[in-house]
Protein backbone atom coordinates (compact mmCIF):
# COMPACT_ATOMS: atom_id res chain seq x y z
CA MET A 1 0.00 0.00 0.00
CA THR A 2 1.26 3.46 -0.88
CA MET A 3 -0.37 6.77 -0.04
CA ASN A 4 0.90 10.32 -0.19
CA ARG A 5 0.15 12.99 2.41
CA ARG A 6 -2.64 14.62 0.33
CA ALA A 7 -4.41 11.30 -0.24
CA PHE A 8 -4.04 10.41 3.44
CA LEU A 9 -5.55 13.68 4.61
CA LYS A 10 -8.41 13.30 2.14
CA ALA A 11 -9.12 9.77 3.32
CA GLY A 12 -8.91 10.83 6.95
CA ALA A 13 -11.32 13.71 6.46
CA GLY A 14 -13.96 11.38 5.06
CA ALA A 15 -13.58 8.73 7.72
CA SER A 16 -15.78 8.50 10.79
CA GLY A 17 -15.53 6.60 14.04
CA GLY A 18 -12.32 4.95 15.11
CA LEU A 19 -9.80 2.25 14.58
CA MET A 20 -9.71 -1.10 16.28
CA LEU A 21 -6.41 -2.93 16.27
CA SER A 22 -6.76 -6.61 15.62
CA LEU A 23 -3.79 -8.87 15.85
CA SER A 24 -4.19 -12.38 14.53
CA LEU A 25 -3.98 -14.16 17.85
CA PRO A 26 -4.68 -17.85 18.46
CA GLY A 27 -8.12 -18.46 19.87
CA CYS A 28 -9.46 -14.93 19.29
CA ALA A 29 -12.65 -16.19 17.71
CA SER A 30 -15.26 -14.85 20.11
CA VAL A 31 -13.97 -11.27 20.32
CA GLN A 32 -14.40 -9.32 17.11
CA THR A 33 -11.30 -7.49 16.00
CA GLY A 34 -10.32 -5.33 13.03
CA TYR A 35 -11.28 -1.95 11.60
CA GLU A 36 -14.86 -0.72 11.46
CA PRO A 37 -15.25 1.92 8.68
CA GLU A 38 -18.68 3.03 9.90
CA THR A 39 -17.46 3.84 13.39
CA GLY A 40 -13.80 4.49 12.67
CA GLU A 41 -12.72 2.11 15.44
CA TRP A 42 -9.65 -0.07 15.21
CA LYS A 43 -9.40 -3.08 17.50
CA PRO A 44 -6.10 -4.82 16.81
CA ASP A 45 -6.55 -7.51 19.45
CA ALA A 46 -8.81 -8.66 22.25
CA TRP A 47 -7.51 -6.01 24.66
CA LEU A 48 -6.90 -2.79 22.79
CA GLU A 49 -9.05 -0.36 20.82
CA LEU A 50 -8.08 2.98 19.27
CA THR A 51 -10.45 5.47 17.69
CA ARG A 52 -10.15 8.24 15.14
CA ASP A 53 -10.84 10.69 17.97
CA ASP A 54 -7.66 9.58 19.76
CA GLU A 55 -9.51 7.56 22.35
CA ILE A 56 -7.76 4.45 23.64
CA TYR A 57 -9.71 1.70 25.34
CA PHE A 58 -8.22 -1.24 27.19
CA THR A 59 -10.26 -4.34 27.97
CA LEU A 60 -9.28 -5.43 31.45
CA ALA A 61 -9.41 -9.22 31.66
CA ARG A 62 -8.54 -9.38 35.38
CA VAL A 63 -11.08 -7.82 37.73
CA GLU A 64 -10.40 -4.85 39.98
CA MET A 65 -11.13 -5.69 43.60
CA GLY A 66 -8.83 -3.20 45.26
CA GLN A 67 -5.57 -4.91 44.37
CA GLY A 68 -4.70 -2.49 41.55
CA THR A 69 -5.17 -4.33 38.24
CA TYR A 70 -7.14 -1.36 36.87
CA THR A 71 -3.97 0.72 37.09
CA GLY A 72 -1.23 -1.91 36.90
CA LEU A 73 -2.33 -3.70 33.75
CA THR A 74 -3.24 -0.45 32.02
CA THR A 75 0.30 0.74 32.73
CA LEU A 76 1.71 -2.20 30.76
CA ILE A 77 -0.23 -1.07 27.69
CA ALA A 78 0.63 2.59 28.24
CA GLU A 79 4.34 1.85 28.52
CA GLU A 80 4.50 0.24 25.10
CA LEU A 81 2.13 2.74 23.44
CA GLU A 82 4.09 5.71 24.84
CA VAL A 83 1.06 7.39 26.42
CA GLU A 84 0.16 8.23 29.98
CA PRO A 85 -1.99 5.58 31.74
CA ALA A 86 -4.63 8.27 32.31
CA ALA A 87 -5.00 8.56 28.51
CA ILE A 88 -6.36 5.01 28.42
CA THR A 89 -9.88 4.06 29.47
CA PRO A 90 -10.08 0.55 30.97
CA ARG A 91 -13.24 -1.50 30.41
CA PHE A 92 -14.11 -4.72 32.19
CA ALA A 93 -13.93 -7.76 29.93
CA PRO A 94 -16.96 -9.84 29.02
CA ALA A 95 -16.80 -13.59 29.49
CA ALA A 96 -14.80 -14.92 26.55
CA PRO A 97 -12.05 -17.53 26.00
CA GLU A 98 -9.57 -14.80 25.05
CA TYR A 99 -9.66 -13.44 28.58
CA ARG A 100 -9.01 -16.67 30.44
CA ASN A 101 -6.19 -16.77 32.93
CA PRO A 102 -3.60 -19.01 31.22
CA LEU A 103 -2.54 -20.44 34.54
CA TYR A 104 -6.00 -21.77 35.41
CA LYS A 105 -7.56 -22.04 31.92
CA LEU A 106 -10.51 -20.12 33.35
CA GLN A 107 -11.40 -16.43 33.29
CA LEU A 108 -10.66 -15.83 36.90
CA THR A 109 -8.68 -13.38 38.95
CA GLY A 110 -6.92 -15.01 41.87
CA GLY A 111 -3.70 -16.37 43.24
CA SER A 112 -1.92 -13.03 42.78
CA THR A 113 -1.33 -13.91 39.12
CA SER A 114 -2.70 -10.88 37.26
CA ILE A 115 0.60 -9.15 36.50
CA ALA A 116 2.53 -12.38 36.00
CA THR A 117 0.11 -13.81 33.43
CA SER A 118 -0.53 -10.48 31.67
CA TRP A 119 3.05 -9.19 31.60
CA GLU A 120 4.00 -10.39 28.14
CA PRO A 121 0.61 -10.56 26.33
CA LEU A 122 -0.39 -7.00 27.19
CA ARG A 123 3.01 -5.51 26.48
CA THR A 124 3.04 -7.35 23.16
CA ALA A 125 -0.39 -5.94 22.34
CA GLY A 126 0.79 -2.41 23.04
CA ALA A 127 4.08 -2.87 21.21
CA SER A 128 2.32 -4.35 18.18
CA ALA A 129 -0.08 -1.43 17.95
CA ARG A 130 2.85 0.97 18.24
CA LYS A 131 4.70 -0.76 15.43
CA MET A 132 1.66 -0.81 13.13
CA LEU A 133 1.07 2.90 13.73
CA LYS A 134 4.69 3.63 12.89
CA MET A 135 4.46 1.53 9.73
CA ALA A 136 1.35 3.44 8.63
CA ALA A 137 3.00 6.81 9.20
CA ALA A 138 6.18 5.69 7.43
CA ARG A 139 4.19 4.81 4.30
CA ILE A 140 2.73 8.31 4.22
CA TRP A 141 6.10 9.97 4.72
CA LYS A 142 7.94 7.41 2.57
CA VAL A 143 10.53 6.80 5.27
CA GLU A 144 11.69 3.76 7.22
CA ALA A 145 9.31 2.80 10.01
CA ASP A 146 12.19 2.14 12.39
CA ALA A 147 13.36 5.72 11.86
CA CYS A 148 10.08 7.04 13.25
CA THR A 149 9.46 7.45 16.97
CA VAL A 150 6.35 7.65 19.11
CA ARG A 151 5.60 10.19 21.81
CA ASP A 152 2.45 11.14 23.73
CA GLY A 153 0.03 9.52 21.29
CA HIS A 154 1.84 10.71 18.16
CA VAL A 155 4.12 9.11 15.60
CA VAL A 156 7.00 11.51 15.03
CA HIS A 157 8.82 11.93 11.68
CA PRO A 158 12.58 11.24 11.61
CA ASN A 159 13.07 15.00 11.28
CA GLY A 160 11.76 15.32 14.83
CA ILE A 161 9.27 18.00 13.81
CA ASP A 162 6.39 16.54 11.85
CA SER A 163 4.00 14.19 13.60
CA LEU A 164 0.69 12.40 13.16
CA ARG A 165 -1.80 11.58 15.88
CA TYR A 166 -2.64 7.95 16.53
CA GLY A 167 -6.25 8.73 15.66
CA GLN A 168 -5.23 9.88 12.19
CA LEU A 169 -3.46 6.60 11.53
CA VAL A 170 -5.84 3.97 12.82
CA GLU A 171 -7.43 3.00 9.50
CA LEU A 172 -4.10 2.76 7.71
CA ALA A 173 -2.49 0.94 10.63
CA SER A 174 -5.19 -1.72 10.54
CA LYS A 175 -3.99 -2.72 7.07
CA GLU A 176 -0.41 -3.28 8.19
CA VAL A 177 0.92 -6.77 8.80
CA ILE A 178 3.62 -7.50 11.34
CA ARG A 179 5.99 -10.28 10.45
CA GLY A 180 8.06 -11.92 13.14
CA GLU A 181 8.20 -11.03 16.81
CA VAL A 182 7.66 -7.52 18.07
CA ALA A 183 10.40 -6.00 20.18
CA LEU A 184 9.31 -4.87 23.62
CA LYS A 185 10.81 -1.80 25.24
CA PRO A 186 13.96 -2.70 27.19
CA ARG A 187 13.98 -2.06 30.92
CA SER A 188 16.37 0.85 30.47
CA GLU A 189 13.69 2.74 28.51
CA TRP A 190 10.79 2.19 30.91
CA LYS A 191 9.10 5.41 31.92
CA LEU A 192 6.06 3.99 33.70
CA ILE A 193 6.62 0.41 34.79
CA GLY A 194 8.00 0.28 38.29
CA LYS A 195 7.49 4.00 38.82
CA GLN A 196 5.17 5.64 41.33
CA GLY A 197 1.91 6.75 39.74
CA ASN A 198 -1.64 7.66 40.62
CA ARG A 199 -4.33 5.01 40.68
CA LEU A 200 -6.68 5.38 37.75
CA ASP A 201 -9.72 4.38 39.80
CA ALA A 202 -9.04 6.70 42.74
CA ARG A 203 -11.24 9.58 41.60
CA ALA A 204 -14.21 7.37 40.67
CA LYS A 205 -14.04 5.55 43.98
CA SER A 206 -13.62 8.70 46.05
CA THR A 207 -16.49 10.50 44.30
CA GLY A 208 -18.88 7.55 44.32
CA THR A 209 -19.07 7.23 40.55
CA ALA A 210 -17.43 3.80 40.39
CA GLU A 211 -20.13 1.17 39.91
CA TYR A 212 -19.95 -1.80 42.23
CA GLY A 213 -22.31 -4.73 41.99
CA ILE A 214 -24.38 -3.42 44.85
CA ASP A 215 -24.91 -0.12 42.95
CA VAL A 216 -26.61 -1.69 39.91
CA GLU A 217 -30.15 -0.48 39.26
CA LEU A 218 -32.31 -1.68 36.34
CA PRO A 219 -35.77 -0.58 35.20
CA GLY A 220 -38.39 -2.73 36.90
CA GLN A 221 -35.83 -4.24 39.27
CA VAL A 222 -36.96 -5.96 42.45
CA TYR A 223 -34.96 -7.02 45.48
CA ALA A 224 -34.53 -10.40 47.09
CA VAL A 225 -33.08 -11.71 50.32
CA VAL A 226 -32.52 -15.40 50.93
CA THR A 227 -32.98 -17.38 54.12
CA ARG A 228 -30.48 -20.22 53.97
CA SER A 229 -30.11 -23.44 55.94
CA PRO A 230 -28.26 -22.96 59.25
CA ARG A 231 -26.48 -26.25 58.53
CA TYR A 232 -24.68 -27.40 55.41
CA GLY A 233 -26.84 -29.82 53.47
CA GLY A 234 -30.14 -28.73 55.06
CA ARG A 235 -33.18 -28.60 52.77
CA VAL A 236 -36.42 -26.63 52.94
CA ASP A 237 -39.29 -28.67 54.35
CA SER A 238 -41.99 -25.99 54.57
CA PHE A 239 -42.44 -22.22 55.03
CA ASN A 240 -45.22 -19.70 55.61
CA GLY A 241 -45.15 -18.21 52.11
CA ASP A 242 -48.77 -17.03 51.95
CA GLU A 243 -48.45 -15.06 55.17
CA VAL A 244 -45.30 -13.27 54.00
CA ARG A 245 -46.68 -12.58 50.51
CA ALA A 246 -49.45 -10.53 52.11
CA MET A 247 -46.98 -8.07 53.59
CA SER A 248 -46.50 -4.58 52.15
CA GLY A 249 -44.29 -4.43 49.05
CA VAL A 250 -43.71 -8.19 48.84
CA VAL A 251 -43.72 -9.44 45.24
CA ASP A 252 -43.31 -13.15 45.90
CA VAL A 253 -41.79 -15.75 48.19
CA VAL A 254 -40.11 -18.60 46.31
CA GLU A 255 -38.13 -21.66 47.21
CA ILE A 256 -34.75 -22.12 45.56
CA GLU A 257 -32.15 -24.79 46.09
CA ARG A 258 -30.24 -22.80 48.68
CA GLY A 259 -33.27 -21.73 50.73
CA VAL A 260 -36.28 -19.41 50.54
CA ALA A 261 -36.15 -16.05 48.79
CA VAL A 262 -38.35 -13.12 49.79
CA VAL A 263 -38.81 -10.72 46.87
CA ALA A 264 -40.05 -7.16 47.32
CA ASP A 265 -40.17 -3.85 45.50
CA LYS A 266 -37.57 -2.39 47.86
CA TYR A 267 -34.65 -3.96 49.69
CA TRP A 268 -35.71 -2.97 53.20
CA ARG A 269 -39.23 -4.27 52.64
CA ALA A 270 -37.74 -7.60 51.61
CA ARG A 271 -35.57 -7.59 54.71
CA LYS A 272 -38.50 -6.77 57.01
CA ALA A 273 -40.64 -9.46 55.43
CA GLN A 274 -37.82 -11.95 55.89
CA ALA A 275 -38.11 -11.43 59.64
CA ALA A 276 -41.67 -12.77 59.44
CA LEU A 277 -40.61 -15.79 57.39
CA SER A 278 -40.64 -19.10 59.24
CA VAL A 279 -38.85 -22.01 57.56
CA SER A 280 -38.92 -25.61 58.70
CA TRP A 281 -35.72 -27.41 57.66
CA ASP A 282 -35.02 -31.03 56.79
CA PHE A 283 -31.61 -31.87 58.28
CA SER A 284 -31.69 -35.59 57.46
CA ASP A 285 -28.76 -35.17 55.05
CA ALA A 286 -27.18 -32.18 56.77
CA LEU A 287 -23.70 -31.96 58.16
CA SER A 288 -23.45 -32.47 61.91
CA LEU A 289 -19.72 -31.88 62.21
CA SER A 290 -18.74 -29.10 64.63
CA THR A 291 -15.62 -26.96 64.83
CA SER A 292 -14.51 -28.84 67.95
CA ASP A 293 -14.97 -32.11 66.04
CA VAL A 294 -12.74 -30.82 63.27
CA PHE A 295 -9.92 -29.86 65.64
CA GLU A 296 -10.29 -33.15 67.48
CA GLY A 297 -9.74 -34.84 64.13
CA TYR A 298 -6.78 -32.57 63.42
CA ARG A 299 -5.11 -33.51 66.70
CA LYS A 300 -5.74 -37.18 66.11
CA ALA A 301 -4.22 -36.89 62.65
CA ALA A 302 -1.22 -35.05 64.08
CA ASP A 303 -0.71 -37.77 66.68
CA GLU A 304 -1.03 -40.67 64.24
CA ASP A 305 0.45 -39.35 61.02
CA PRO A 306 3.70 -37.36 60.81
CA GLY A 307 2.75 -36.26 57.30
CA GLU A 308 5.07 -35.49 54.41
CA SER A 309 8.37 -33.76 55.00
CA GLU A 310 8.80 -30.54 53.05
CA ARG A 311 12.34 -29.98 54.35
CA SER A 312 14.58 -32.14 56.50
CA GLU A 313 18.11 -31.55 57.76
CA GLY A 314 19.48 -33.96 60.31
CA ASP A 315 17.31 -35.81 62.82
CA PHE A 316 15.07 -33.83 65.16
CA ASP A 317 14.50 -36.78 67.50
CA ASP A 318 18.24 -37.13 68.03
CA ALA A 319 18.58 -33.40 68.59
CA ALA A 320 15.71 -33.39 71.07
CA GLU A 321 17.13 -36.34 72.99
CA ALA A 322 20.47 -34.56 73.40
CA ALA A 323 18.91 -31.18 74.18
CA SER A 324 18.80 -29.62 77.60
CA THR A 325 15.43 -28.02 76.83
CA VAL A 326 12.60 -28.88 74.43
CA LEU A 327 9.91 -26.28 73.90
CA SER A 328 6.58 -27.12 72.29
CA ALA A 329 3.52 -25.09 71.34
CA GLU A 330 0.25 -25.61 69.48
CA TYR A 331 -1.47 -22.94 67.42
CA ALA A 332 -5.00 -23.24 66.07
CA GLN A 333 -6.34 -21.07 63.24
CA PRO A 334 -10.14 -21.04 63.24
CA TYR A 335 -12.46 -20.89 60.27
CA LEU A 336 -12.49 -17.33 59.01
CA ALA A 337 -15.05 -15.44 56.93
CA HIS A 338 -13.51 -13.46 54.09
CA ALA A 339 -15.44 -10.36 55.26
CA THR A 340 -15.19 -8.44 52.02
CA LEU A 341 -16.16 -4.78 52.41
CA GLU A 342 -18.93 -5.21 49.84
CA PRO A 343 -21.26 -8.04 50.91
CA MET A 344 -22.21 -10.71 48.38
CA ASN A 345 -24.69 -9.46 45.78
CA ALA A 346 -25.73 -9.95 42.19
CA THR A 347 -28.39 -8.67 39.82
CA ALA A 348 -29.83 -11.17 37.34
CA TRP A 349 -32.39 -10.74 34.59
CA TYR A 350 -33.79 -13.89 32.97
CA GLN A 351 -35.38 -12.95 29.63
CA GLY A 352 -36.59 -16.26 28.25
CA ASP A 353 -33.98 -17.00 25.63
CA ARG A 354 -31.10 -15.31 27.43
CA ALA A 355 -30.01 -13.89 30.76
CA GLU A 356 -27.88 -10.97 31.88
CA VAL A 357 -26.06 -10.69 35.16
CA TRP A 358 -24.36 -7.71 36.78
CA ALA A 359 -22.06 -8.89 39.54
CA PRO A 360 -18.78 -8.31 41.39
CA THR A 361 -17.35 -11.70 40.44
CA GLN A 362 -13.78 -12.95 40.22
CA ALA A 363 -14.76 -15.54 37.60
CA PRO A 364 -17.34 -14.40 35.02
CA ASP A 365 -17.16 -17.57 32.93
CA LEU A 366 -17.94 -19.66 36.01
CA GLY A 367 -20.82 -17.26 36.61
CA GLN A 368 -22.23 -18.23 33.21
CA ILE A 369 -22.22 -21.87 34.23
CA ALA A 370 -23.82 -21.06 37.58
CA VAL A 371 -26.69 -19.26 35.83
CA ALA A 372 -27.15 -22.07 33.32
CA ARG A 373 -27.40 -24.57 36.15
CA VAL A 374 -30.51 -22.98 37.70
CA THR A 375 -32.26 -21.95 34.46
CA ASP A 376 -33.08 -23.59 31.12
CA LEU A 377 -30.25 -21.74 29.37
CA SER A 378 -26.80 -22.77 28.21
CA PRO A 379 -23.72 -20.82 29.37
CA ALA A 380 -23.49 -19.23 25.90
CA ASP A 381 -26.90 -17.62 26.48
CA VAL A 382 -25.66 -15.81 29.59
CA THR A 383 -23.98 -12.39 29.55
CA ILE A 384 -21.97 -11.40 32.62
CA HIS A 385 -21.36 -7.70 33.23
CA THR A 386 -18.48 -7.48 35.68
CA THR A 387 -18.43 -4.49 38.00
CA PHE A 388 -15.89 -3.15 40.46
CA LEU A 389 -15.46 -5.52 43.40
CA GLY A 390 -15.48 -4.31 46.99
CA GLY A 391 -12.87 -6.86 47.95
CA GLY A 392 -12.50 -10.45 46.84
CA PHE A 393 -9.84 -12.49 48.66
CA GLY A 394 -10.99 -15.56 46.72
CA ARG A 395 -14.53 -15.42 48.12
CA ARG A 396 -15.94 -14.20 44.82
CA LEU A 397 -14.46 -17.14 42.94
CA THR A 398 -17.51 -19.06 44.15
CA GLN A 399 -20.67 -18.09 42.33
CA ASP A 400 -23.37 -18.90 44.88
CA PHE A 401 -24.55 -15.28 45.01
CA ILE A 402 -24.94 -15.20 41.21
CA GLU A 403 -26.69 -18.54 41.24
CA GLU A 404 -29.22 -17.31 43.79
CA ALA A 405 -30.08 -14.18 41.81
CA ALA A 406 -30.46 -16.17 38.60
CA ALA A 407 -32.65 -18.77 40.29
CA VAL A 408 -35.03 -16.12 41.64
CA SER A 409 -35.20 -14.21 38.34
CA PHE A 410 -35.90 -17.46 36.51
CA LYS A 411 -38.87 -18.11 38.78
CA ILE A 412 -40.46 -14.65 38.74
CA GLY A 413 -39.35 -13.35 35.31
CA LYS A 414 -38.10 -9.98 36.56
CA PRO A 415 -34.67 -8.39 37.04
CA VAL A 416 -33.69 -9.29 40.60
CA LYS A 417 -30.98 -7.99 42.86
CA VAL A 418 -30.00 -10.35 45.69
CA ILE A 419 -28.14 -8.73 48.58
CA TRP A 420 -26.63 -10.61 51.49
CA SER A 421 -26.67 -8.83 54.83
CA ARG A 422 -23.40 -8.53 56.72
CA GLU A 423 -24.64 -11.18 59.15
CA GLU A 424 -25.54 -13.55 56.30
CA ASP A 425 -22.23 -12.87 54.60
CA THR A 426 -20.40 -13.93 57.76
CA ARG A 427 -22.64 -16.87 58.63
CA HIS A 428 -22.80 -18.41 55.14
CA ASP A 429 -19.34 -17.63 53.81
CA LEU A 430 -17.32 -20.47 52.33
CA PHE A 431 -14.82 -20.05 55.09
CA ARG A 432 -11.08 -19.87 54.89
CA PRO A 433 -9.95 -23.24 56.26
CA ALA A 434 -9.08 -23.96 59.86
CA MET A 435 -5.55 -25.24 60.49
CA LEU A 436 -3.55 -26.70 63.33
CA HIS A 437 0.16 -26.04 63.81
CA ARG A 438 2.41 -27.90 66.24
CA MET A 439 5.92 -26.61 66.80
CA LYS A 440 8.85 -28.01 68.77
CA ALA A 441 12.28 -26.56 69.33
CA SER A 442 15.28 -28.18 71.02
CA LEU A 443 17.99 -26.15 72.75
CA ALA A 444 21.38 -27.06 74.16
CA ASP A 445 23.44 -24.52 76.08
CA GLY A 446 21.08 -21.81 74.95
CA GLU A 447 21.55 -22.60 71.26
CA LEU A 448 18.84 -23.88 68.91
CA THR A 449 19.72 -27.42 67.84
CA GLY A 450 16.48 -28.60 66.25
CA TRP A 451 13.12 -27.43 64.94
CA HIS A 452 10.01 -29.35 64.01
CA HIS A 453 6.85 -27.82 62.53
CA GLN A 454 3.77 -29.96 61.87
CA VAL A 455 0.76 -28.59 59.97
CA VAL A 456 -2.66 -30.25 59.76
CA GLY A 457 -5.45 -29.03 57.48
CA PRO A 458 -7.43 -27.96 55.64
CA GLN A 459 -10.00 -30.69 56.21
CA ILE A 460 -12.84 -28.19 56.35
CA LEU A 461 -16.31 -29.66 56.24
CA ASP A 462 -15.19 -32.87 54.57
CA TRP A 463 -18.72 -34.19 54.24
CA TYR A 464 -19.85 -31.02 52.48
CA VAL A 465 -16.98 -31.05 50.03
CA ARG A 466 -17.27 -34.73 49.21
CA ASN A 467 -21.05 -34.77 48.90
CA ALA A 468 -22.83 -31.44 48.61
CA ALA A 469 -20.27 -29.18 46.96
CA PRO A 470 -19.71 -31.16 43.74
CA ALA A 471 -23.47 -31.41 43.25
CA GLN A 472 -24.26 -27.79 44.14
CA TYR A 473 -21.27 -26.22 42.42
CA PRO A 474 -20.48 -28.20 39.25
CA TRP A 475 -18.95 -25.03 37.81
CA ALA A 476 -16.23 -24.97 40.47
CA PRO A 477 -12.75 -26.09 39.40
CA LYS A 478 -11.07 -28.86 41.36
CA PHE A 479 -8.61 -26.49 42.98
CA LEU A 480 -11.58 -24.60 44.45
CA TYR A 481 -12.88 -27.75 46.08
CA ASN A 482 -9.43 -28.19 47.58
CA SER A 483 -9.59 -24.70 49.04
CA LEU A 484 -13.05 -25.44 50.39
CA GLY A 485 -11.68 -28.30 52.36
CA SER A 486 -10.54 -31.55 50.80
CA ALA A 487 -8.32 -33.54 53.11
CA GLY A 488 -4.75 -32.31 53.01
């Protein structure tokens, strides 16, 4: 392709919209990429979009739950594109294979892996867009692309004077083809990575304009609260639905797998009506294990099984026998609720042939499966709109809150927001596992001669994990079951 400056300016004046960069990446089948003449948008890959109006959008595949991905991952793109992070607008990714975490093969944010797994792909996306923009400008100027530079959203001519905005080049850049690997900026040239910068979400969060799941409001939306079994595995036997339905503002009272949902036109009316709800539970298949039972089992396991040795130097028994003093201590870590600042919530809207969900979830593709499980839809019929998360800590990897909202919406045919109270969030959390630590130290003449550390856990709610969890959460990956409490 050849084009002189006059022809370029003429073409640019008649163009509208923007430019969307679209690299030919393996597996990018579900996210449309390329240039759209009608809108003037260029999307070179699944993450990046540039427009004729010099707007730059970045699709954030890892959720923002306070840990900084909104700023950190955007910075990777900005570094390679030679723009300030504030010049880029991040957008939360939809559920799509392109956005899966390569470590887990699922679209989840967890394990402190966001930077590690995005480091090269995002920098490559930014560097590729930069190169294509330079190639487009070089064709106009009839110069070598490598002789051009980029600065503050412009491609600069080798003379150091003339320049073209990215927005002017998007259509032409979309026609360029990169052959071979793209060079990333060397560490010595970094201007943003590793430097102190402002968080891009600070203003929105401090002014209340950031949308969390609990902020979502839809036309015709109703509110639901769920009364859940006080014991794992408990099932609803009966409840006084007719009495509660007669209360002011109550839309319906419906049974779902996880309990009984009270639906009302306003949240507080639903919560007040819940206080009048009386549920009789069937505990015939429920878990009877107590916390004291668990620790009793831990201590028995510690007494009978030394476990696997992670590190061994010398013989502790010999050191202890020769020691003048042996100290021992036992430390117990109880079950802990994640206690995210934003309680569990989700808004679901079942619409017959499809469903939409707005939720603060760490795993939107698992959310699709959760919705499909309690409706007559397939995961492909479910759209997940990810919001800001008011904390995650792994709790929002489980999709029980999404499943509840979808189940209620499926039954009443309205957009439903389910909100857990702080008490419910604590009582029905999938708790961080309890653990038992036993430590021994041997000393001779005041010097440490041996150390032994024994850890037991997490065997949290073994019955629940082995029986109820696989049935109730078929969307959960095996590693999640392990974190819930498989023997270990």
